[in-house]
């Protein structure tokens, strides 16, 4: 799906298949993406403020420079996801699979929660890979 610049504020996209979607600079504020397949989706410069991404498949998704402030990623699969330079203050990564995810340069990490998240070779804001929770 080609959804660049789309305004999807408050959209109900739960259970949708948006794998390989290009959402560059889209607005998904308060969007419901629970259980969505977002494998390999591109969220560059996307506004996902307060979006609901619980249980979503975000494998290989890119959130480069995205705004995830207040987003709920509880129990999402973020294997190999790219969160570099994303704003994640207030985001919920509790019980999220973060193996091989990359948070290099991400901001707002002290305001995000990572309880019970799974880390394996997860690259933290300092560019170092960790096998234990650094959040």
C-alpha atoms as a PDB file:
ATOM      1  CA  UNK A   1       0.000   0.000   0.000  1.00  0.00           C
ATOM      2  CA  UNK A   2       1.224   3.460  -0.892  1.00  0.00           C
ATOM      3  CA  UNK A   3      -0.014   5.784   1.855  1.00  0.00           C
ATOM      4  CA  UNK A   4       2.595   8.555   1.822  1.00  0.00           C
ATOM      5  CA  UNK A   5       1.325  11.780   3.402  1.00  0.00           C
ATOM      6  CA  UNK A   6      -2.071  10.195   4.209  1.00  0.00           C
ATOM      7  CA  UNK A   7      -4.060  11.567   7.132  1.00  0.00           C
ATOM      8  CA  UNK A   8      -5.223   8.471   8.995  1.00  0.00           C
ATOM      9  CA  UNK A   9      -5.943  10.184  12.308  1.00  0.00           C
ATOM     10  CA  UNK A  10      -8.268   8.005  14.430  1.00  0.00           C
ATOM     11  CA  UNK A  11      -8.333   5.333  11.680  1.00  0.00           C
ATOM     12  CA  UNK A  12      -9.470   1.811  12.605  1.00  0.00           C
ATOM     13  CA  UNK A  13      -6.904  -0.421  10.922  1.00  0.00           C
ATOM     14  CA  UNK A  14      -6.801  -3.260  13.423  1.00  0.00           C
ATOM     15  CA  UNK A  15      -6.136  -6.688  11.884  1.00  0.00           C
ATOM     16  CA  UNK A  16      -5.302  -5.058   8.518  1.00  0.00           C
ATOM     17  CA  UNK A  17      -2.507  -6.237   6.234  1.00  0.00           C
ATOM     18  CA  UNK A  18      -0.258  -3.272   5.587  1.00  0.00           C
ATOM     19  CA  UNK A  19       2.887  -5.304   5.047  1.00  0.00           C
ATOM     20  CA  UNK A  20       5.418  -3.461   2.878  1.00  0.00           C
ATOM     21  CA  UNK A  21       3.330  -0.274   3.116  1.00  0.00           C
ATOM     22  CA  UNK A  22       4.985   3.077   2.504  1.00  0.00           C
ATOM     23  CA  UNK A  23       3.560   5.491   5.075  1.00  0.00           C
ATOM     24  CA  UNK A  24       6.184   8.223   4.760  1.00  0.00           C
ATOM     25  CA  UNK A  25       5.038  11.370   6.613  1.00  0.00           C
ATOM     26  CA  UNK A  26       1.557   9.949   7.193  1.00  0.00           C
ATOM     27  CA  UNK A  27      -0.434  10.997  10.244  1.00  0.00           C
ATOM     28  CA  UNK A  28      -1.679   8.059  12.323  1.00  0.00           C
ATOM     29  CA  UNK A  29      -2.356   9.923  15.560  1.00  0.00           C
ATOM     30  CA  UNK A  30      -4.722   7.870  17.755  1.00  0.00           C
ATOM     31  CA  UNK A  31      -4.952   5.193  15.029  1.00  0.00           C
ATOM     32  CA  UNK A  32      -5.964   1.651  15.982  1.00  0.00           C
ATOM     33  CA  UNK A  33      -3.440  -0.783  14.494  1.00  0.00           C
ATOM     34  CA  UNK A  34      -3.902  -3.648  16.946  1.00  0.00           C
ATOM     35  CA  UNK A  35      -2.943  -7.031  15.492  1.00  0.00           C
ATOM     36  CA  UNK A  36      -2.088  -5.409  12.129  1.00  0.00           C
ATOM     37  CA  UNK A  37       0.512  -6.973   9.847  1.00  0.00           C
ATOM     38  CA  UNK A  38       2.990  -4.137   9.343  1.00  0.00           C
ATOM     39  CA  UNK A  39       5.910  -6.330   8.329  1.00  0.00           C
ATOM     40  CA  UNK A  40       8.542  -4.331   6.453  1.00  0.00           C
ATOM     41  CA  UNK A  41       6.395  -1.168   6.555  1.00  0.00           C
ATOM     42  CA  UNK A  42       8.094   2.216   6.244  1.00  0.00           C
ATOM     43  CA  UNK A  43       7.037   4.775   8.874  1.00  0.00           C
ATOM     44  CA  UNK A  44       9.642   7.465   8.149  1.00  0.00           C
ATOM     45  CA  UNK A  45       8.663  10.820   9.722  1.00  0.00           C
ATOM     46  CA  UNK A  46       5.239   9.380  10.599  1.00  0.00           C
ATOM     47  CA  UNK A  47       3.129  10.735  13.453  1.00  0.00           C
ATOM     48  CA  UNK A  48       2.031   7.736  15.553  1.00  0.00           C
ATOM     49  CA  UNK A  49       1.308   9.764  18.678  1.00  0.00           C
ATOM     50  CA  UNK A  50      -0.975   7.751  20.992  1.00  0.00           C
ATOM     51  CA  UNK A  51      -1.423   5.079  18.299  1.00  0.00           C
ATOM     52  CA  UNK A  52      -2.479   1.598  19.417  1.00  0.00           C
ATOM     53  CA  UNK A  53      -0.036  -0.975  18.020  1.00  0.00           C
ATOM     54  CA  UNK A  54      -0.638  -3.714  20.574  1.00  0.00           C
ATOM     55  CA  UNK A  55       0.137  -7.199  19.253  1.00  0.00           C
ATOM     56  CA  UNK A  56       1.048  -5.805  15.807  1.00  0.00           C
ATOM     57  CA  UNK A  57       3.657  -7.530  13.652  1.00  0.00           C
ATOM     58  CA  UNK A  58       6.296  -4.853  13.094  1.00  0.00           C
ATOM     59  CA  UNK A  59       9.054  -7.196  11.933  1.00  0.00           C
ATOM     60  CA  UNK A  60      11.587  -5.277   9.805  1.00  0.00           C
ATOM     61  CA  UNK A  61       9.508  -2.072  10.021  1.00  0.00           C
ATOM     62  CA  UNK A  62      11.325   1.264   9.886  1.00  0.00           C
ATOM     63  CA  UNK A  63      10.328   4.089  12.241  1.00  0.00           C
ATOM     64  CA  UNK A  64      13.188   6.401  11.273  1.00  0.00           C
ATOM     65  CA  UNK A  65      12.481   9.891  12.693  1.00  0.00           C
ATOM     66  CA  UNK A  66       8.929   8.804  13.596  1.00  0.00           C
ATOM     67  CA  UNK A  67       6.933  10.292  16.462  1.00  0.00           C
ATOM     68  CA  UNK A  68       5.816   7.436  18.725  1.00  0.00           C
ATOM     69  CA  UNK A  69       5.132   9.559  21.802  1.00  0.00           C
ATOM     70  CA  UNK A  70       2.481   7.810  23.886  1.00  0.00           C
ATOM     71  CA  UNK A  71       2.144   4.929  21.395  1.00  0.00           C
ATOM     72  CA  UNK A  72       1.176   1.527  22.801  1.00  0.00           C
ATOM     73  CA  UNK A  73       3.299  -1.303  21.391  1.00  0.00           C
ATOM     74  CA  UNK A  74       2.444  -3.814  24.129  1.00  0.00           C
ATOM     75  CA  UNK A  75       3.391  -7.361  23.041  1.00  0.00           C
ATOM     76  CA  UNK A  76       4.177  -6.251  19.482  1.00  0.00           C
ATOM     77  CA  UNK A  77       6.753  -8.164  17.448  1.00  0.00           C
ATOM     78  CA  UNK A  78       9.473  -5.612  16.706  1.00  0.00           C
ATOM     79  CA  UNK A  79      12.104  -8.078  15.513  1.00  0.00           C
ATOM     80  CA  UNK A  80      14.657  -6.177  13.390  1.00  0.00           C
ATOM     81  CA  UNK A  81      12.582  -2.979  13.659  1.00  0.00           C
ATOM     82  CA  UNK A  82      14.420   0.288  13.128  1.00  0.00           C
ATOM     83  CA  UNK A  83      13.606   3.042  15.665  1.00  0.00           C
ATOM     84  CA  UNK A  84      16.653   5.202  14.962  1.00  0.00           C
ATOM     85  CA  UNK A  85      16.128   8.858  15.835  1.00  0.00           C
ATOM     86  CA  UNK A  86      12.473   8.216  16.683  1.00  0.00           C
ATOM     87  CA  UNK A  87      10.755  10.136  19.491  1.00  0.00           C
ATOM     88  CA  UNK A  88       9.396   7.521  21.918  1.00  0.00           C
ATOM     89  CA  UNK A  89       8.569   9.432  25.105  1.00  0.00           C
ATOM     90  CA  UNK A  90       5.660   7.795  26.904  1.00  0.00           C
ATOM     91  CA  UNK A  91       5.615   4.822  24.514  1.00  0.00           C
ATOM     92  CA  UNK A  92       4.736   1.409  25.947  1.00  0.00           C
ATOM     93  CA  UNK A  93       7.137  -1.348  24.867  1.00  0.00           C
ATOM     94  CA  UNK A  94       6.115  -3.678  27.713  1.00  0.00           C
ATOM     95  CA  UNK A  95       6.269  -7.377  26.751  1.00  0.00           C
ATOM     96  CA  UNK A  96       7.478  -6.398  23.273  1.00  0.00           C
ATOM     97  CA  UNK A  97       9.888  -8.577  21.273  1.00  0.00           C
ATOM     98  CA  UNK A  98      12.809  -6.251  20.500  1.00  0.00           C
ATOM     99  CA  UNK A  99      15.407  -8.741  19.280  1.00  0.00           C
ATOM    100  CA  UNK A 100      17.765  -7.127  16.764  1.00  0.00           C
ATOM    101  CA  UNK A 101      15.814  -3.830  16.980  1.00  0.00           C
ATOM    102  CA  UNK A 102      17.766  -0.592  16.592  1.00  0.00           C
ATOM    103  CA  UNK A 103      17.176   2.461  18.826  1.00  0.00           C
ATOM    104  CA  UNK A 104      20.319   4.393  17.833  1.00  0.00           C
ATOM    105  CA  UNK A 105      19.737   8.082  18.508  1.00  0.00           C
ATOM    106  CA  UNK A 106      16.140   7.603  19.684  1.00  0.00           C
ATOM    107  CA  UNK A 107      14.895  10.315  22.053  1.00  0.00           C
ATOM    108  CA  UNK A 108      12.566  10.211  25.043  1.00  0.00           C
ATOM    109  CA  UNK A 109      13.695   6.761  26.150  1.00  0.00           C
ATOM    110  CA  UNK A 110      13.535   7.659  29.842  1.00  0.00           C
ATOM    111  CA  UNK A 111       9.801   8.295  29.469  1.00  0.00           C
ATOM    112  CA  UNK A 112       9.136   5.018  27.639  1.00  0.00           C
ATOM    113  CA  UNK A 113       8.449   1.709  29.424  1.00  0.00           C
ATOM    114  CA  UNK A 114      10.132  -1.583  28.559  1.00  0.00           C
ATOM    115  CA  UNK A 115       8.997  -3.979  31.333  1.00  0.00           C
ATOM    116  CA  UNK A 116       9.249  -7.657  30.362  1.00  0.00           C
ATOM    117  CA  UNK A 117      10.414  -6.787  26.844  1.00  0.00           C
ATOM    118  CA  UNK A 118      12.714  -9.296  25.130  1.00  0.00           C
ATOM    119  CA  UNK A 119      16.152  -8.014  24.142  1.00  0.00           C
ATOM    120  CA  UNK A 120      18.689  -9.924  22.044  1.00  0.00           C
ATOM    121  CA  UNK A 121      21.354  -7.989  20.167  1.00  0.00           C
ATOM    122  CA  UNK A 122      19.099  -4.950  20.524  1.00  0.00           C
ATOM    123  CA  UNK A 123      20.993  -1.793  19.601  1.00  0.00           C
ATOM    124  CA  UNK A 124      20.381   0.924  22.175  1.00  0.00           C
ATOM    125  CA  UNK A 125      20.686   4.710  21.812  1.00  0.00           C
ATOM    126  CA  UNK A 126      24.433   4.529  22.489  1.00  0.00           C
ATOM    127  CA  UNK A 127      24.982   2.284  19.449  1.00  0.00           C
ATOM    128  CA  UNK A 128      25.872  -0.734  21.613  1.00  0.00           C
ATOM    129  CA  UNK A 129      24.020  -4.052  21.230  1.00  0.00           C
ATOM    130  CA  UNK A 130      22.532  -5.536  24.400  1.00  0.00           C
ATOM    131  CA  UNK A 131      20.935  -8.816  25.423  1.00  0.00           C
ATOM    132  CA  UNK A 132      19.273  -7.296  28.489  1.00  0.00           C
ATOM    133  CA  UNK A 133      16.763  -4.510  28.959  1.00  0.00           C
ATOM    134  CA  UNK A 134      18.402  -1.054  28.906  1.00  0.00           C
ATOM    135  CA  UNK A 135      15.153   0.957  28.955  1.00  0.00           C
END
